[in-house]
Amino acid sequence: MIWALLHVLAFFLAISAGSAFAQTYPVRPVRVIVAFAPGTTSDIIGRMIGERLTAATGQPFVVENRTGAGGTIGAEFVAKAAPDGYTLLLSTAALAVSAWVYPSLKYDTARDFASIIVVTHSPLALAANLNFPPKTVGELIEYAKANPGKVSFGSAGVGTSHHLTGEKFKIDTGIDMLHVPYKGSGPAHVDLMGGQIQIMFDNIFALMPHFKSGRLRALAVSSAKRHPLLPEVPSIAEAGVRDFETVAWFGFVGPAGMPREVVARLNAEIVKTLAIPELPQRLLDAGSEIIGNSPDAADRFLKSEIERWGAVVRAANVKAN
């Protein structure tokens, strides 16, 4: 009887301690690791949300850029950090992709992170050089089938969502195209406009200036439906590639084992931030769709992304350089 009472007492003390920790958290600066370079979309979103969290909690949320190896250096740093809520990762599709592209990771993507929230989804646009004969997705498929291996598509690097969306497009349509990886989107855009490559998948926001200036042609978007920034451009699914959908996304995770109360606090504060009109509008103007889901929903989404990209990586035999 005494042991039972002691167990009950310990249980309620643990609950009280967790609740008190969540109410006082954070009591010191929080590091937000961005696994990509300053000025990238990841970096911009990390800093936007970090500024709001700093104002809401009274403690600095400081962005640190730890770049390299397709985002895995930053991810590993967070996976191995103390699970106390003071080291977070601005997560992207690269987190799911790297689980398959990098076979020697020192962390398990599905088990070593605590999902906090998915902030946004952003579809990719399929852009074409102006002199490329096909003007639609249907014409592109016909042309590629008639000229196997002669259509080249660029990407921001091996294993990026841009690259794997192109590989998925190849698989789903049964066409053969040559992948040309670049060190970032900028150099790829230059060669796309110059005709060294014919097509490319990239973030809508990154391509919009070239669409507006008439230097590139928008063939489609990778979302299930049309996008408000390109209302006249069909989705790939609408163009006839059944059930085709891929998105770039941004969210937050921490090391596995973070107190649930702290995860809930972070989720609640980020959701509040997304309700402030200025920030969502900036994200929408950049081509993003606001998500702001629960930690459980964010975790289900991460696992579904790992499964989705795993199928593409295996089928296309994609390997990191």
C-alpha atoms as a PDB file:
ATOM      1  CA  MET A   1       0.000   0.000   0.000  1.00  0.00           C
ATOM      2  CA  ILE A   2       2.809   2.400   0.950  1.00  0.00           C
ATOM      3  CA  TRP A   3       4.661   1.594  -2.289  1.00  0.00           C
ATOM      4  CA  ALA A   4       1.512   2.277  -4.306  1.00  0.00           C
ATOM      5  CA  LEU A   5       1.090   5.652  -2.593  1.00  0.00           C
ATOM      6  CA  LEU A   6       4.726   6.483  -3.265  1.00  0.00           C
ATOM      7  CA  HIS A   7       4.279   5.672  -6.970  1.00  0.00           C
ATOM      8  CA  VAL A   8       1.198   7.891  -7.163  1.00  0.00           C
ATOM      9  CA  LEU A   9       3.035  10.700  -5.367  1.00  0.00           C
ATOM     10  CA  ALA A  10       6.005  10.383  -7.731  1.00  0.00           C
ATOM     11  CA  PHE A  11       3.655  10.500 -10.718  1.00  0.00           C
ATOM     12  CA  PHE A  12       2.014  13.733  -9.590  1.00  0.00           C
ATOM     13  CA  LEU A  13       5.371  15.288  -8.689  1.00  0.00           C
ATOM     14  CA  ALA A  14       6.613  14.519 -12.208  1.00  0.00           C
ATOM     15  CA  ILE A  15       3.538  16.138 -13.719  1.00  0.00           C
ATOM     16  CA  SER A  16       3.956  19.193 -11.505  1.00  0.00           C
ATOM     17  CA  ALA A  17       7.639  19.485 -12.376  1.00  0.00           C
ATOM     18  CA  GLY A  18       6.911  19.222 -16.104  1.00  0.00           C
ATOM     19  CA  SER A  19       4.169  21.830 -15.864  1.00  0.00           C
ATOM     20  CA  ALA A  20       6.393  24.217 -13.920  1.00  0.00           C
ATOM     21  CA  PHE A  21       9.215  23.732 -16.434  1.00  0.00           C
ATOM     22  CA  ALA A  22       6.906  24.531 -19.331  1.00  0.00           C
ATOM     23  CA  GLN A  23       5.607  27.651 -17.592  1.00  0.00           C
ATOM     24  CA  THR A  24       9.109  29.028 -17.011  1.00  0.00           C
ATOM     25  CA  TYR A  25      10.639  27.860 -20.316  1.00  0.00           C
ATOM     26  CA  PRO A  26      12.670  29.428 -21.780  1.00  0.00           C
ATOM     27  CA  VAL A  27      14.950  30.902 -19.124  1.00  0.00           C
ATOM     28  CA  ARG A  28      17.949  31.375 -21.415  1.00  0.00           C
ATOM     29  CA  PRO A  29      18.646  31.860 -25.144  1.00  0.00           C
ATOM     30  CA  VAL A  30      17.408  29.197 -27.577  1.00  0.00           C
ATOM     31  CA  ARG A  31      19.501  28.201 -30.588  1.00  0.00           C
ATOM     32  CA  VAL A  32      17.651  27.748 -33.877  1.00  0.00           C
ATOM     33  CA  ILE A  33      19.886  25.761 -36.201  1.00  0.00           C
ATOM     34  CA  VAL A  34      19.434  26.473 -39.902  1.00  0.00           C
ATOM     35  CA  ALA A  35      21.211  23.832 -41.967  1.00  0.00           C
ATOM     36  CA  PHE A  36      21.577  26.077 -45.008  1.00  0.00           C
ATOM     37  CA  ALA A  37      23.332  29.326 -45.850  1.00  0.00           C
ATOM     38  CA  PRO A  38      22.270  32.830 -44.802  1.00  0.00           C
ATOM     39  CA  GLY A  39      19.786  34.338 -47.222  1.00  0.00           C
ATOM     40  CA  THR A  40      18.149  31.040 -48.182  1.00  0.00           C
ATOM     41  CA  THR A  41      14.433  30.533 -47.656  1.00  0.00           C
ATOM     42  CA  SER A  42      15.195  28.371 -44.605  1.00  0.00           C
ATOM     43  CA  ASP A  43      17.295  31.132 -43.099  1.00  0.00           C
ATOM     44  CA  ILE A  44      14.680  33.813 -43.793  1.00  0.00           C
ATOM     45  CA  ILE A  45      11.859  31.785 -42.237  1.00  0.00           C
ATOM     46  CA  GLY A  46      14.016  30.797 -39.251  1.00  0.00           C
ATOM     47  CA  ARG A  47      14.801  34.432 -38.539  1.00  0.00           C
ATOM     48  CA  MET A  48      11.212  35.612 -39.085  1.00  0.00           C
ATOM     49  CA  ILE A  49       9.826  33.091 -36.600  1.00  0.00           C
ATOM     50  CA  GLY A  50      12.791  33.526 -34.238  1.00  0.00           C
ATOM     51  CA  GLU A  51      12.182  37.278 -33.955  1.00  0.00           C
ATOM     52  CA  ARG A  52       8.553  36.685 -33.018  1.00  0.00           C
ATOM     53  CA  LEU A  53       9.422  33.989 -30.477  1.00  0.00           C
ATOM     54  CA  THR A  54      11.980  36.313 -28.910  1.00  0.00           C
ATOM     55  CA  ALA A  55       9.325  38.992 -28.494  1.00  0.00           C
ATOM     56  CA  ALA A  56       6.765  36.514 -27.133  1.00  0.00           C
ATOM     57  CA  THR A  57       8.992  34.752 -24.593  1.00  0.00           C
ATOM     58  CA  GLY A  58      11.471  37.446 -23.588  1.00  0.00           C
ATOM     59  CA  GLN A  59      14.415  35.175 -24.424  1.00  0.00           C
ATOM     60  CA  PRO A  60      16.505  35.367 -27.622  1.00  0.00           C
ATOM     61  CA  PHE A  61      15.857  32.734 -30.288  1.00  0.00           C
ATOM     62  CA  VAL A  62      19.197  32.958 -32.079  1.00  0.00           C
ATOM     63  CA  VAL A  63      19.661  31.557 -35.587  1.00  0.00           C
ATOM     64  CA  GLU A  64      22.912  29.669 -36.217  1.00  0.00           C
ATOM     65  CA  ASN A  65      23.773  28.557 -39.756  1.00  0.00           C
ATOM     66  CA  ARG A  66      25.465  25.136 -39.702  1.00  0.00           C
ATOM     67  CA  THR A  67      25.695  24.242 -43.360  1.00  0.00           C
ATOM     68  CA  GLY A  68      26.980  21.361 -45.467  1.00  0.00           C
ATOM     69  CA  ALA A  69      26.236  17.834 -46.663  1.00  0.00           C
ATOM     70  CA  GLY A  70      22.690  18.564 -47.785  1.00  0.00           C
ATOM     71  CA  GLY A  71      21.611  19.821 -44.388  1.00  0.00           C
ATOM     72  CA  THR A  72      22.841  16.777 -42.483  1.00  0.00           C
ATOM     73  CA  ILE A  73      25.528  18.629 -40.511  1.00  0.00           C
ATOM     74  CA  GLY A  74      22.970  20.899 -38.897  1.00  0.00           C
ATOM     75  CA  ALA A  75      20.522  18.043 -38.410  1.00  0.00           C
ATOM     76  CA  GLU A  76      23.135  15.874 -36.693  1.00  0.00           C
ATOM     77  CA  PHE A  77      24.056  18.732 -34.359  1.00  0.00           C
ATOM     78  CA  VAL A  78      20.433  19.005 -33.213  1.00  0.00           C
ATOM     79  CA  ALA A  79      19.853  15.250 -33.026  1.00  0.00           C
ATOM     80  CA  LYS A  80      22.760  14.971 -30.571  1.00  0.00           C
ATOM     81  CA  ALA A  81      21.903  18.075 -28.523  1.00  0.00           C
ATOM     82  CA  ALA A  82      20.396  17.917 -25.040  1.00  0.00           C
ATOM     83  CA  PRO A  83      16.610  17.408 -25.366  1.00  0.00           C
ATOM     84  CA  ASP A  84      15.789  20.409 -23.188  1.00  0.00           C
ATOM     85  CA  GLY A  85      14.205  22.719 -25.762  1.00  0.00           C
ATOM     86  CA  TYR A  86      17.221  25.002 -26.098  1.00  0.00           C
ATOM     87  CA  THR A  87      18.427  23.642 -29.452  1.00  0.00           C
ATOM     88  CA  LEU A  88      15.943  23.495 -32.339  1.00  0.00           C
ATOM     89  CA  LEU A  89      16.225  22.765 -36.058  1.00  0.00           C
ATOM     90  CA  LEU A  90      14.478  24.666 -38.820  1.00  0.00           C
ATOM     91  CA  SER A  91      13.370  21.522 -40.656  1.00  0.00           C
ATOM     92  CA  THR A  92      12.840  21.174 -44.407  1.00  0.00           C
ATOM     93  CA  ALA A  93      12.181  18.458 -46.973  1.00  0.00           C
ATOM     94  CA  ALA A  94      15.939  17.850 -46.902  1.00  0.00           C
ATOM     95  CA  LEU A  95      15.505  16.239 -43.474  1.00  0.00           C
ATOM     96  CA  ALA A  96      13.340  13.501 -45.005  1.00  0.00           C
ATOM     97  CA  VAL A  97      15.357  13.199 -48.216  1.00  0.00           C
ATOM     98  CA  SER A  98      18.714  12.850 -46.441  1.00  0.00           C
ATOM     99  CA  ALA A  99      17.428   9.792 -44.573  1.00  0.00           C
ATOM    100  CA  TRP A 100      17.842   7.923 -47.864  1.00  0.00           C
ATOM    101  CA  VAL A 101      20.456   9.849 -49.837  1.00  0.00           C
ATOM    102  CA  TYR A 102      23.103   9.724 -47.094  1.00  0.00           C
ATOM    103  CA  PRO A 103      23.511   6.072 -46.001  1.00  0.00           C
ATOM    104  CA  SER A 104      26.077   6.787 -43.257  1.00  0.00           C
ATOM    105  CA  LEU A 105      24.103   9.248 -41.144  1.00  0.00           C
ATOM    106  CA  LYS A 106      24.915   9.232 -37.438  1.00  0.00           C
ATOM    107  CA  TYR A 107      21.278   9.743 -36.509  1.00  0.00           C
ATOM    108  CA  ASP A 108      17.923   8.144 -37.324  1.00  0.00           C
ATOM    109  CA  THR A 109      15.637  10.721 -38.941  1.00  0.00           C
ATOM    110  CA  ALA A 110      12.438   8.955 -37.928  1.00  0.00           C
ATOM    111  CA  ARG A 111      13.435   8.417 -34.276  1.00  0.00           C
ATOM    112  CA  ASP A 112      15.929  11.085 -33.227  1.00  0.00           C
ATOM    113  CA  PHE A 113      13.762  14.183 -33.607  1.00  0.00           C
ATOM    114  CA  ALA A 114      10.739  15.538 -31.778  1.00  0.00           C
ATOM    115  CA  SER A 115       8.388  17.229 -34.244  1.00  0.00           C
ATOM    116  CA  ILE A 116       7.088  20.609 -33.095  1.00  0.00           C
ATOM    117  CA  ILE A 117       5.233  22.065 -36.093  1.00  0.00           C
ATOM    118  CA  VAL A 118       5.121  22.376 -39.866  1.00  0.00           C
ATOM    119  CA  VAL A 119       4.998  26.088 -40.630  1.00  0.00           C
ATOM    120  CA  THR A 120       4.476  26.160 -44.393  1.00  0.00           C
ATOM    121  CA  HIS A 121       4.174  24.128 -47.563  1.00  0.00           C
ATOM    122  CA  SER A 122       5.391  25.573 -50.857  1.00  0.00           C
ATOM    123  CA  PRO A 123       4.989  23.865 -54.229  1.00  0.00           C
ATOM    124  CA  LEU A 124       7.663  23.927 -56.887  1.00  0.00           C
ATOM    125  CA  ALA A 125       7.231  25.357 -60.346  1.00  0.00           C
ATOM    126  CA  LEU A 126       8.390  23.627 -63.512  1.00  0.00           C
ATOM    127  CA  ALA A 127      10.240  26.226 -65.578  1.00  0.00           C
ATOM    128  CA  ALA A 128      11.411  25.904 -69.179  1.00  0.00           C
ATOM    129  CA  ASN A 129      13.826  27.742 -71.435  1.00  0.00           C
ATOM    130  CA  LEU A 130      11.945  29.952 -73.917  1.00  0.00           C
ATOM    131  CA  ASN A 131      13.464  28.157 -76.918  1.00  0.00           C
ATOM    132  CA  PHE A 132      12.494  24.705 -75.647  1.00  0.00           C
ATOM    133  CA  PRO A 133       9.835  23.409 -78.114  1.00  0.00           C
ATOM    134  CA  PRO A 134       7.305  21.943 -75.620  1.00  0.00           C
ATOM    135  CA  LYS A 135       4.871  24.529 -74.261  1.00  0.00           C
ATOM    136  CA  THR A 136       2.876  22.196 -71.980  1.00  0.00           C
ATOM    137  CA  VAL A 137       3.508  19.218 -69.710  1.00  0.00           C
ATOM    138  CA  GLY A 138       1.850  16.924 -72.236  1.00  0.00           C
ATOM    139  CA  GLU A 139       4.120  18.197 -75.000  1.00  0.00           C
ATOM    140  CA  LEU A 140       7.155  17.837 -72.696  1.00  0.00           C
ATOM    141  CA  ILE A 141       6.322  14.166 -72.062  1.00  0.00           C
ATOM    142  CA  GLU A 142       5.839  13.483 -75.776  1.00  0.00           C
ATOM    143  CA  TYR A 143       9.063  15.282 -76.661  1.00  0.00           C
ATOM    144  CA  ALA A 144      11.095  13.441 -73.993  1.00  0.00           C
ATOM    145  CA  LYS A 145       9.736  10.081 -75.120  1.00  0.00           C
ATOM    146  CA  ALA A 146      10.689  10.876 -78.708  1.00  0.00           C
ATOM    147  CA  ASN A 147      14.137  12.122 -77.601  1.00  0.00           C
ATOM    148  CA  PRO A 148      15.207   9.878 -74.695  1.00  0.00           C
ATOM    149  CA  GLY A 149      18.075  11.282 -72.661  1.00  0.00           C
ATOM    150  CA  LYS A 150      18.216  14.535 -74.647  1.00  0.00           C
ATOM    151  CA  VAL A 151      16.198  16.675 -72.239  1.00  0.00           C
ATOM    152  CA  SER A 152      18.292  17.970 -69.336  1.00  0.00           C
ATOM    153  CA  PHE A 153      16.847  19.233 -66.063  1.00  0.00           C
ATOM    154  CA  GLY A 154      18.753  21.243 -63.511  1.00  0.00           C
ATOM    155  CA  SER A 155      18.579  21.271 -59.735  1.00  0.00           C
ATOM    156  CA  ALA A 156      20.092  23.033 -56.739  1.00  0.00           C
ATOM    157  CA  GLY A 157      22.093  19.887 -55.995  1.00  0.00           C
ATOM    158  CA  VAL A 158      21.935  16.105 -55.724  1.00  0.00           C
ATOM    159  CA  GLY A 159      19.270  14.951 -53.269  1.00  0.00           C
ATOM    160  CA  THR A 160      17.438  18.284 -53.040  1.00  0.00           C
ATOM    161  CA  SER A 161      13.659  18.394 -53.326  1.00  0.00           C
ATOM    162  CA  HIS A 162      14.188  20.079 -56.729  1.00  0.00           C
ATOM    163  CA  HIS A 163      16.239  17.112 -57.919  1.00  0.00           C
ATOM    164  CA  LEU A 164      13.943  14.436 -56.519  1.00  0.00           C
ATOM    165  CA  THR A 165      10.819  16.130 -57.869  1.00  0.00           C
ATOM    166  CA  GLY A 166      12.435  15.813 -61.294  1.00  0.00           C
ATOM    167  CA  GLU A 167      13.222  12.161 -60.629  1.00  0.00           C
ATOM    168  CA  LYS A 168       9.643  11.540 -59.516  1.00  0.00           C
ATOM    169  CA  PHE A 169       8.411  13.230 -62.689  1.00  0.00           C
ATOM    170  CA  LYS A 170      10.603  10.872 -64.727  1.00  0.00           C
ATOM    171  CA  ILE A 171       9.320   7.823 -62.856  1.00  0.00           C
ATOM    172  CA  ASP A 172       5.650   8.805 -62.996  1.00  0.00           C
ATOM    173  CA  THR A 173       5.729   9.627 -66.716  1.00  0.00           C
ATOM    174  CA  GLY A 174       8.139   6.935 -67.899  1.00  0.00           C
ATOM    175  CA  ILE A 175      10.501   9.394 -69.572  1.00  0.00           C
ATOM    176  CA  ASP A 176      14.316   9.596 -69.579  1.00  0.00           C
ATOM    177  CA  MET A 177      15.956  12.931 -68.769  1.00  0.00           C
ATOM    178  CA  LEU A 178      19.499  13.931 -67.822  1.00  0.00           C
ATOM    179  CA  HIS A 179      19.962  15.451 -64.358  1.00  0.00           C
ATOM    180  CA  VAL A 180      22.433  18.348 -64.121  1.00  0.00           C
ATOM    181  CA  PRO A 181      23.148  19.335 -60.489  1.00  0.00           C
ATOM    182  CA  TYR A 182      24.346  22.823 -59.537  1.00  0.00           C
ATOM    183  CA  LYS A 183      25.645  24.386 -56.342  1.00  0.00           C
ATOM    184  CA  GLY A 184      22.445  26.286 -55.640  1.00  0.00           C
ATOM    185  CA  SER A 185      19.522  27.556 -57.689  1.00  0.00           C
ATOM    186  CA  GLY A 186      21.183  30.760 -58.913  1.00  0.00           C
ATOM    187  CA  PRO A 187      23.717  29.146 -61.279  1.00  0.00           C
ATOM    188  CA  ALA A 188      21.040  26.748 -62.515  1.00  0.00           C
ATOM    189  CA  HIS A 189      18.734  29.657 -63.384  1.00  0.00           C
ATOM    190  CA  VAL A 190      21.517  31.259 -65.433  1.00  0.00           C
ATOM    191  CA  ASP A 191      22.059  28.097 -67.471  1.00  0.00           C
ATOM    192  CA  LEU A 192      18.320  27.528 -67.837  1.00  0.00           C
ATOM    193  CA  MET A 193      17.858  30.987 -69.318  1.00  0.00           C
ATOM    194  CA  GLY A 194      20.949  30.456 -71.467  1.00  0.00           C
ATOM    195  CA  GLY A 195      19.703  27.150 -72.869  1.00  0.00           C
ATOM    196  CA  GLN A 196      22.415  24.898 -71.403  1.00  0.00           C
ATOM    197  CA  ILE A 197      19.597  23.002 -69.668  1.00  0.00           C
ATOM    198  CA  GLN A 198      15.975  22.868 -70.816  1.00  0.00           C
ATOM    199  CA  ILE A 199      13.843  22.627 -67.649  1.00  0.00           C
ATOM    200  CA  MET A 200      14.062  22.869 -63.884  1.00  0.00           C
ATOM    201  CA  PHE A 201      11.909  22.448 -60.795  1.00  0.00           C
ATOM    202  CA  ASP A 202      12.417  25.182 -58.195  1.00  0.00           C
ATOM    203  CA  ASN A 203      10.553  27.160 -55.543  1.00  0.00           C
ATOM    204  CA  ILE A 204       7.863  29.366 -57.063  1.00  0.00           C
ATOM    205  CA  PHE A 205       9.176  32.447 -55.276  1.00  0.00           C
ATOM    206  CA  ALA A 206      12.690  31.956 -56.665  1.00  0.00           C
ATOM    207  CA  LEU A 207      11.371  31.633 -60.229  1.00  0.00           C
ATOM    208  CA  MET A 208       8.688  34.350 -60.164  1.00  0.00           C
ATOM    209  CA  PRO A 209      11.018  37.220 -61.215  1.00  0.00           C
ATOM    210  CA  HIS A 210      12.042  35.233 -64.307  1.00  0.00           C
ATOM    211  CA  PHE A 211       8.420  34.384 -65.151  1.00  0.00           C
ATOM    212  CA  LYS A 212       7.357  38.018 -64.756  1.00  0.00           C
ATOM    213  CA  SER A 213      10.245  39.285 -66.888  1.00  0.00           C
ATOM    214  CA  GLY A 214       9.450  36.757 -69.616  1.00  0.00           C
ATOM    215  CA  ARG A 215      12.893  35.131 -69.431  1.00  0.00           C
ATOM    216  CA  LEU A 216      11.464  31.705 -68.485  1.00  0.00           C
ATOM    217  CA  ARG A 217       8.218  29.896 -69.207  1.00  0.00           C
ATOM    218  CA  ALA A 218       6.132  28.306 -66.435  1.00  0.00           C
ATOM    219  CA  LEU A 219       4.857  24.897 -67.542  1.00  0.00           C
ATOM    220  CA  ALA A 220       3.258  23.651 -64.307  1.00  0.00           C
ATOM    221  CA  VAL A 221       3.297  23.611 -60.514  1.00  0.00           C
ATOM    222  CA  SER A 222       3.941  20.553 -58.355  1.00  0.00           C
ATOM    223  CA  SER A 223       1.034  21.077 -55.943  1.00  0.00           C
ATOM    224  CA  ALA A 224      -2.182  19.112 -56.349  1.00  0.00           C
ATOM    225  CA  LYS A 225      -4.012  22.275 -57.438  1.00  0.00           C
ATOM    226  CA  ARG A 226      -3.092  25.545 -59.126  1.00  0.00           C
ATOM    227  CA  HIS A 227      -1.223  28.140 -57.096  1.00  0.00           C
ATOM    228  CA  PRO A 228      -2.509  31.697 -56.452  1.00  0.00           C
ATOM    229  CA  LEU A 229       0.768  33.241 -57.669  1.00  0.00           C
ATOM    230  CA  LEU A 230       0.428  31.404 -60.999  1.00  0.00           C
ATOM    231  CA  PRO A 231      -3.336  30.996 -61.464  1.00  0.00           C
ATOM    232  CA  GLU A 232      -3.046  30.464 -65.232  1.00  0.00           C
ATOM    233  CA  VAL A 233      -0.517  27.627 -64.849  1.00  0.00           C
ATOM    234  CA  PRO A 234      -1.893  24.082 -64.359  1.00  0.00           C
ATOM    235  CA  SER A 235      -0.711  21.617 -61.755  1.00  0.00           C
ATOM    236  CA  ILE A 236       1.175  18.584 -63.040  1.00  0.00           C
ATOM    237  CA  ALA A 237      -1.702  16.385 -61.866  1.00  0.00           C
ATOM    238  CA  GLU A 238      -4.167  18.573 -63.755  1.00  0.00           C
ATOM    239  CA  ALA A 239      -1.943  18.272 -66.820  1.00  0.00           C
ATOM    240  CA  GLY A 240      -2.424  14.512 -66.779  1.00  0.00           C
ATOM    241  CA  VAL A 241       0.186  13.001 -64.422  1.00  0.00           C
ATOM    242  CA  ARG A 242      -2.147  11.285 -61.991  1.00  0.00           C
ATOM    243  CA  ASP A 243      -1.752  11.987 -58.232  1.00  0.00           C
ATOM    244  CA  PHE A 244       1.480  13.916 -58.745  1.00  0.00           C
ATOM    245  CA  GLU A 245       2.245  16.200 -55.808  1.00  0.00           C
ATOM    246  CA  THR A 246       5.414  17.372 -54.106  1.00  0.00           C
ATOM    247  CA  VAL A 247       6.043  20.343 -51.839  1.00  0.00           C
ATOM    248  CA  ALA A 248       8.941  22.124 -50.255  1.00  0.00           C
ATOM    249  CA  TRP A 249       8.188  22.662 -46.568  1.00  0.00           C
ATOM    250  CA  PHE A 250       9.538  24.337 -43.475  1.00  0.00           C
ATOM    251  CA  GLY A 251       8.956  23.537 -39.823  1.00  0.00           C
ATOM    252  CA  PHE A 252      10.633  23.032 -36.468  1.00  0.00           C
ATOM    253  CA  VAL A 253      11.938  19.927 -34.708  1.00  0.00           C
ATOM    254  CA  GLY A 254      14.078  19.356 -31.653  1.00  0.00           C
ATOM    255  CA  PRO A 255      16.014  16.399 -30.274  1.00  0.00           C
ATOM    256  CA  ALA A 256      13.955  13.336 -29.392  1.00  0.00           C
ATOM    257  CA  GLY A 257      13.016  13.226 -25.736  1.00  0.00           C
ATOM    258  CA  MET A 258      12.074  16.875 -25.355  1.00  0.00           C
ATOM    259  CA  PRO A 259       9.460  17.377 -22.601  1.00  0.00           C
ATOM    260  CA  ARG A 260       5.999  17.286 -24.150  1.00  0.00           C
ATOM    261  CA  GLU A 261       5.096  20.432 -22.226  1.00  0.00           C
ATOM    262  CA  VAL A 262       7.943  22.333 -23.894  1.00  0.00           C
ATOM    263  CA  VAL A 263       6.987  21.002 -27.340  1.00  0.00           C
ATOM    264  CA  ALA A 264       3.413  22.137 -26.676  1.00  0.00           C
ATOM    265  CA  ARG A 265       4.606  25.582 -25.540  1.00  0.00           C
ATOM    266  CA  LEU A 266       6.734  26.061 -28.645  1.00  0.00           C
ATOM    267  CA  ASN A 267       3.918  24.869 -30.885  1.00  0.00           C
ATOM    268  CA  ALA A 268       1.442  27.253 -29.252  1.00  0.00           C
ATOM    269  CA  GLU A 269       3.789  30.231 -29.550  1.00  0.00           C
ATOM    270  CA  ILE A 270       4.536  29.539 -33.224  1.00  0.00           C
ATOM    271  CA  VAL A 271       0.813  29.145 -33.963  1.00  0.00           C
ATOM    272  CA  LYS A 272       0.224  32.543 -32.322  1.00  0.00           C
ATOM    273  CA  THR A 273       2.990  33.988 -34.471  1.00  0.00           C
ATOM    274  CA  LEU A 274       1.333  32.649 -37.612  1.00  0.00           C
ATOM    275  CA  ALA A 275      -1.873  34.434 -36.618  1.00  0.00           C
ATOM    276  CA  ILE A 276      -0.183  37.853 -36.787  1.00  0.00           C
ATOM    277  CA  PRO A 277      -1.306  39.229 -40.187  1.00  0.00           C
ATOM    278  CA  GLU A 278       2.067  40.634 -41.275  1.00  0.00           C
ATOM    279  CA  LEU A 279       4.032  37.379 -41.094  1.00  0.00           C
ATOM    280  CA  PRO A 280       1.533  35.082 -42.872  1.00  0.00           C
ATOM    281  CA  GLN A 281       1.193  37.665 -45.627  1.00  0.00           C
ATOM    282  CA  ARG A 282       4.954  37.712 -46.124  1.00  0.00           C
ATOM    283  CA  LEU A 283       4.936  33.920 -46.377  1.00  0.00           C
ATOM    284  CA  LEU A 284       1.956  33.898 -48.749  1.00  0.00           C
ATOM    285  CA  ASP A 285       3.610  36.521 -50.936  1.00  0.00           C
ATOM    286  CA  ALA A 286       6.600  34.172 -51.101  1.00  0.00           C
ATOM    287  CA  GLY A 287       4.420  31.380 -52.480  1.00  0.00           C
ATOM    288  CA  SER A 288       3.877  29.474 -49.230  1.00  0.00           C
ATOM    289  CA  GLU A 289       0.724  28.000 -47.735  1.00  0.00           C
ATOM    290  CA  ILE A 290       0.422  28.385 -43.969  1.00  0.00           C
ATOM    291  CA  ILE A 291       0.067  25.040 -42.153  1.00  0.00           C
ATOM    292  CA  GLY A 292       0.609  25.535 -38.392  1.00  0.00           C
ATOM    293  CA  ASN A 293      -0.344  21.982 -37.379  1.00  0.00           C
ATOM    294  CA  SER A 294      -0.039  20.077 -34.094  1.00  0.00           C
ATOM    295  CA  PRO A 295       3.124  18.228 -32.988  1.00  0.00           C
ATOM    296  CA  ASP A 296       1.452  14.864 -33.638  1.00  0.00           C
ATOM    297  CA  ALA A 297       0.344  15.953 -37.123  1.00  0.00           C
ATOM    298  CA  ALA A 298       3.817  17.329 -37.821  1.00  0.00           C
ATOM    299  CA  ASP A 299       5.356  13.997 -36.806  1.00  0.00           C
ATOM    300  CA  ARG A 300       2.981  12.054 -39.059  1.00  0.00           C
ATOM    301  CA  PHE A 301       3.846  14.393 -41.905  1.00  0.00           C
ATOM    302  CA  LEU A 302       7.610  13.924 -41.388  1.00  0.00           C
ATOM    303  CA  LYS A 303       7.244  10.151 -41.433  1.00  0.00           C
ATOM    304  CA  SER A 304       5.071  10.301 -44.572  1.00  0.00           C
ATOM    305  CA  GLU A 305       7.718  12.478 -46.262  1.00  0.00           C
ATOM    306  CA  ILE A 306      10.448   9.988 -45.320  1.00  0.00           C
ATOM    307  CA  GLU A 307       8.389   7.224 -46.913  1.00  0.00           C
ATOM    308  CA  ARG A 308       7.508   9.285 -50.006  1.00  0.00           C
ATOM    309  CA  TRP A 309      11.076  10.309 -50.811  1.00  0.00           C
ATOM    310  CA  GLY A 310      12.471   6.907 -49.909  1.00  0.00           C
ATOM    311  CA  ALA A 311      10.442   5.383 -52.724  1.00  0.00           C
ATOM    312  CA  VAL A 312      11.799   7.955 -55.190  1.00  0.00           C
ATOM    313  CA  VAL A 313      15.421   7.645 -54.046  1.00  0.00           C
ATOM    314  CA  ARG A 314      15.322   3.852 -54.307  1.00  0.00           C
ATOM    315  CA  ALA A 315      13.645   3.852 -57.711  1.00  0.00           C
ATOM    316  CA  ALA A 316      16.021   6.467 -59.123  1.00  0.00           C
ATOM    317  CA  ASN A 317      19.088   5.074 -57.303  1.00  0.00           C
ATOM    318  CA  VAL A 318      20.035   8.545 -56.062  1.00  0.00           C
ATOM    319  CA  LYS A 319      23.267   8.778 -54.077  1.00  0.00           C
ATOM    320  CA  ALA A 320      25.005  11.740 -52.497  1.00  0.00           C
ATOM    321  CA  ASN A 321      28.238  12.950 -54.046  1.00  0.00           C
END
